[in-house]
């Protein structure tokens, strides 16, 4: 069982199209802070 990616939480395997098959992955995440408005 590999967590998310199956049809439900009790399935024992993940569908092949959702498996991570490469040895390395790269991703980028950007967080932006919005100014709050006075209350």
PDB file of N, CA and C in Angstrom:
ATOM      1  N   UNK A   1       0.855  -1.187   0.000  1.00  0.00           N
ATOM      2  CA  UNK A   1       0.000   0.000   0.000  1.00  0.00           C
ATOM      3  C   UNK A   1       0.886   1.231   0.000  1.00  0.00           C
ATOM      4  N   UNK A   2       0.587   2.183  -0.860  1.00  0.00           N
ATOM      5  CA  UNK A   2       1.455   3.347  -0.994  1.00  0.00           C
ATOM      6  C   UNK A   2       0.723   4.660  -0.748  1.00  0.00           C
ATOM      7  N   UNK A   3      -0.359   4.646  -0.011  1.00  0.00           N
ATOM      8  CA  UNK A   3      -1.067   5.892   0.280  1.00  0.00           C
ATOM      9  C   UNK A   3      -1.990   6.301  -0.844  1.00  0.00           C
ATOM     10  N   UNK A   4      -2.017   7.581  -1.172  1.00  0.00           N
ATOM     11  CA  UNK A   4      -2.933   8.082  -2.190  1.00  0.00           C
ATOM     12  C   UNK A   4      -2.559   7.549  -3.568  1.00  0.00           C
ATOM     13  N   UNK A   5      -3.523   7.497  -4.464  1.00  0.00           N
ATOM     14  CA  UNK A   5      -3.268   7.035  -5.824  1.00  0.00           C
ATOM     15  C   UNK A   5      -4.118   5.851  -6.214  1.00  0.00           C
ATOM     16  N   UNK A   6      -4.715   5.188  -5.240  1.00  0.00           N
ATOM     17  CA  UNK A   6      -5.601   4.065  -5.535  1.00  0.00           C
ATOM     18  C   UNK A   6      -7.040   4.538  -5.623  1.00  0.00           C
ATOM     19  N   UNK A   7      -7.948   3.583  -5.733  1.00  0.00           N
ATOM     20  CA  UNK A   7      -9.368   3.925  -5.810  1.00  0.00           C
ATOM     21  C   UNK A   7      -9.950   4.254  -4.443  1.00  0.00           C
ATOM     22  N   UNK A   8      -9.376   3.706  -3.412  1.00  0.00           N
ATOM     23  CA  UNK A   8      -9.879   3.908  -2.062  1.00  0.00           C
ATOM     24  C   UNK A   8      -8.742   3.698  -1.066  1.00  0.00           C
ATOM     25  N   UNK A   9      -9.006   3.920   0.192  1.00  0.00           N
ATOM     26  CA  UNK A   9      -7.931   3.851   1.186  1.00  0.00           C
ATOM     27  C   UNK A   9      -7.561   2.434   1.585  1.00  0.00           C
ATOM     28  N   UNK A  10      -8.316   1.429   1.163  1.00  0.00           N
ATOM     29  CA  UNK A  10      -8.001   0.060   1.568  1.00  0.00           C
ATOM     30  C   UNK A  10      -7.442  -0.790   0.431  1.00  0.00           C
ATOM     31  N   UNK A  11      -7.295  -0.208  -0.765  1.00  0.00           N
ATOM     32  CA  UNK A  11      -6.689  -0.959  -1.873  1.00  0.00           C
ATOM     33  C   UNK A  11      -5.222  -1.217  -1.568  1.00  0.00           C
ATOM     34  N   UNK A  12      -4.729  -2.352  -2.017  1.00  0.00           N
ATOM     35  CA  UNK A  12      -3.338  -2.675  -1.704  1.00  0.00           C
ATOM     36  C   UNK A  12      -2.337  -2.128  -2.700  1.00  0.00           C
ATOM     37  N   UNK A  13      -2.769  -1.706  -3.867  1.00  0.00           N
ATOM     38  CA  UNK A  13      -1.791  -1.206  -4.833  1.00  0.00           C
ATOM     39  C   UNK A  13      -2.273   0.076  -5.507  1.00  0.00           C
ATOM     40  N   UNK A  14      -1.319   0.798  -6.048  1.00  0.00           N
ATOM     41  CA  UNK A  14      -1.568   2.062  -6.733  1.00  0.00           C
ATOM     42  C   UNK A  14      -1.627   1.792  -8.229  1.00  0.00           C
ATOM     43  N   UNK A  15      -2.490   2.512  -8.941  1.00  0.00           N
ATOM     44  CA  UNK A  15      -2.556   2.363 -10.396  1.00  0.00           C
ATOM     45  C   UNK A  15      -1.208   2.749 -11.010  1.00  0.00           C
ATOM     46  N   UNK A  16      -0.762   2.036 -12.038  1.00  0.00           N
ATOM     47  CA  UNK A  16       0.555   2.298 -12.643  1.00  0.00           C
ATOM     48  C   UNK A  16       0.757   3.748 -13.082  1.00  0.00           C
ATOM     49  N   UNK A  17      -0.294   4.400 -13.570  1.00  0.00           N
ATOM     50  CA  UNK A  17      -0.133   5.779 -14.043  1.00  0.00           C
ATOM     51  C   UNK A  17       0.149   6.766 -12.907  1.00  0.00           C
ATOM     52  N   UNK A  18      -0.024   6.344 -11.663  1.00  0.00           N
ATOM     53  CA  UNK A  18       0.241   7.222 -10.524  1.00  0.00           C
ATOM     54  C   UNK A  18       1.532   6.871  -9.788  1.00  0.00           C
ATOM     55  N   UNK A  19       2.270   5.883 -10.261  1.00  0.00           N
ATOM     56  CA  UNK A  19       3.531   5.511  -9.631  1.00  0.00           C
ATOM     57  C   UNK A  19       4.636   6.480 -10.042  1.00  0.00           C
ATOM     58  N   UNK A  20       5.540   6.769  -9.120  1.00  0.00           N
ATOM     59  CA  UNK A  20       6.711   7.589  -9.423  1.00  0.00           C
ATOM     60  C   UNK A  20       7.829   6.639  -9.829  1.00  0.00           C
ATOM     61  N   UNK A  21       8.166   6.631 -11.114  1.00  0.00           N
ATOM     62  CA  UNK A  21       9.100   5.635 -11.638  1.00  0.00           C
ATOM     63  C   UNK A  21      10.508   6.173 -11.879  1.00  0.00           C
ATOM     64  N   UNK A  22      10.674   7.496 -11.879  1.00  0.00           N
ATOM     65  CA  UNK A  22      11.992   8.076 -12.120  1.00  0.00           C
ATOM     66  C   UNK A  22      12.785   8.131 -10.815  1.00  0.00           C
ATOM     67  N   UNK A  23      14.127   8.041 -10.901  1.00  0.00           N
ATOM     68  CA  UNK A  23      14.926   8.083  -9.668  1.00  0.00           C
ATOM     69  C   UNK A  23      14.979   9.474  -9.028  1.00  0.00           C
ATOM     70  N   UNK A  24      14.789  10.537  -9.828  1.00  0.00           N
ATOM     71  CA  UNK A  24      14.867  11.906  -9.306  1.00  0.00           C
ATOM     72  C   UNK A  24      13.755  12.745  -9.919  1.00  0.00           C
ATOM     73  N   UNK A  25      13.190  13.625  -9.116  1.00  0.00           N
ATOM     74  CA  UNK A  25      12.173  14.563  -9.579  1.00  0.00           C
ATOM     75  C   UNK A  25      12.563  15.950  -9.105  1.00  0.00           C
ATOM     76  N   UNK A  26      12.124  16.953  -9.839  1.00  0.00           N
ATOM     77  CA  UNK A  26      12.391  18.331  -9.461  1.00  0.00           C
ATOM     78  C   UNK A  26      11.075  19.090  -9.538  1.00  0.00           C
ATOM     79  N   UNK A  27      10.827  19.927  -8.551  1.00  0.00           N
ATOM     80  CA  UNK A  27       9.626  20.740  -8.556  1.00  0.00           C
ATOM     81  C   UNK A  27       9.945  22.102  -7.964  1.00  0.00           C
ATOM     82  N   UNK A  28       9.033  23.024  -8.167  1.00  0.00           N
ATOM     83  CA  UNK A  28       9.218  24.382  -7.663  1.00  0.00           C
ATOM     84  C   UNK A  28       7.927  24.828  -7.011  1.00  0.00           C
ATOM     85  N   UNK A  29       8.051  25.540  -5.915  1.00  0.00           N
ATOM     86  CA  UNK A  29       6.905  26.045  -5.174  1.00  0.00           C
ATOM     87  C   UNK A  29       7.144  27.517  -4.887  1.00  0.00           C
ATOM     88  N   UNK A  30       6.155  28.346  -5.197  1.00  0.00           N
ATOM     89  CA  UNK A  30       6.253  29.774  -4.935  1.00  0.00           C
ATOM     90  C   UNK A  30       5.146  30.174  -3.975  1.00  0.00           C
ATOM     91  N   UNK A  31       5.516  30.832  -2.888  1.00  0.00           N
ATOM     92  CA  UNK A  31       4.547  31.351  -1.923  1.00  0.00           C
ATOM     93  C   UNK A  31       4.559  32.867  -2.001  1.00  0.00           C
ATOM     94  N   UNK A  32       3.380  33.447  -2.062  1.00  0.00           N
ATOM     95  CA  UNK A  32       3.275  34.900  -2.100  1.00  0.00           C
ATOM     96  C   UNK A  32       2.418  35.356  -0.932  1.00  0.00           C
ATOM     97  N   UNK A  33       2.865  36.395  -0.258  1.00  0.00           N
ATOM     98  CA  UNK A  33       2.126  36.953   0.868  1.00  0.00           C
ATOM     99  C   UNK A  33       1.335  38.153   0.364  1.00  0.00           C
ATOM    100  N   UNK A  34       0.037  38.111   0.601  1.00  0.00           N
ATOM    101  CA  UNK A  34      -0.807  39.236   0.226  1.00  0.00           C
ATOM    102  C   UNK A  34      -0.926  40.170   1.417  1.00  0.00           C
ATOM    103  N   UNK A  35      -0.935  41.465   1.149  1.00  0.00           N
ATOM    104  CA  UNK A  35      -1.107  42.441   2.220  1.00  0.00           C
ATOM    105  C   UNK A  35      -2.521  42.319   2.773  1.00  0.00           C
ATOM    106  N   UNK A  36      -2.630  42.367   4.077  1.00  0.00           N
ATOM    107  CA  UNK A  36      -3.958  42.270   4.685  1.00  0.00           C
ATOM    108  C   UNK A  36      -4.636  43.634   4.656  1.00  0.00           C
ATOM    109  N   UNK A  37      -5.947  43.619   4.546  1.00  0.00           N
ATOM    110  CA  UNK A  37      -6.697  44.871   4.543  1.00  0.00           C
ATOM    111  C   UNK A  37      -7.056  45.244   5.980  1.00  0.00           C
ATOM    112  N   UNK A  38      -7.057  46.524   6.308  1.00  0.00           N
ATOM    113  CA  UNK A  38      -7.407  46.940   7.674  1.00  0.00           C
ATOM    114  C   UNK A  38      -8.860  46.589   7.991  1.00  0.00           C
ATOM    115  N   UNK A  39      -9.108  46.251   9.231  1.00  0.00           N
ATOM    116  CA  UNK A  39     -10.478  45.852   9.613  1.00  0.00           C
ATOM    117  C   UNK A  39     -11.148  46.898  10.443  1.00  0.00           C
TER     118      UNK A  39
END
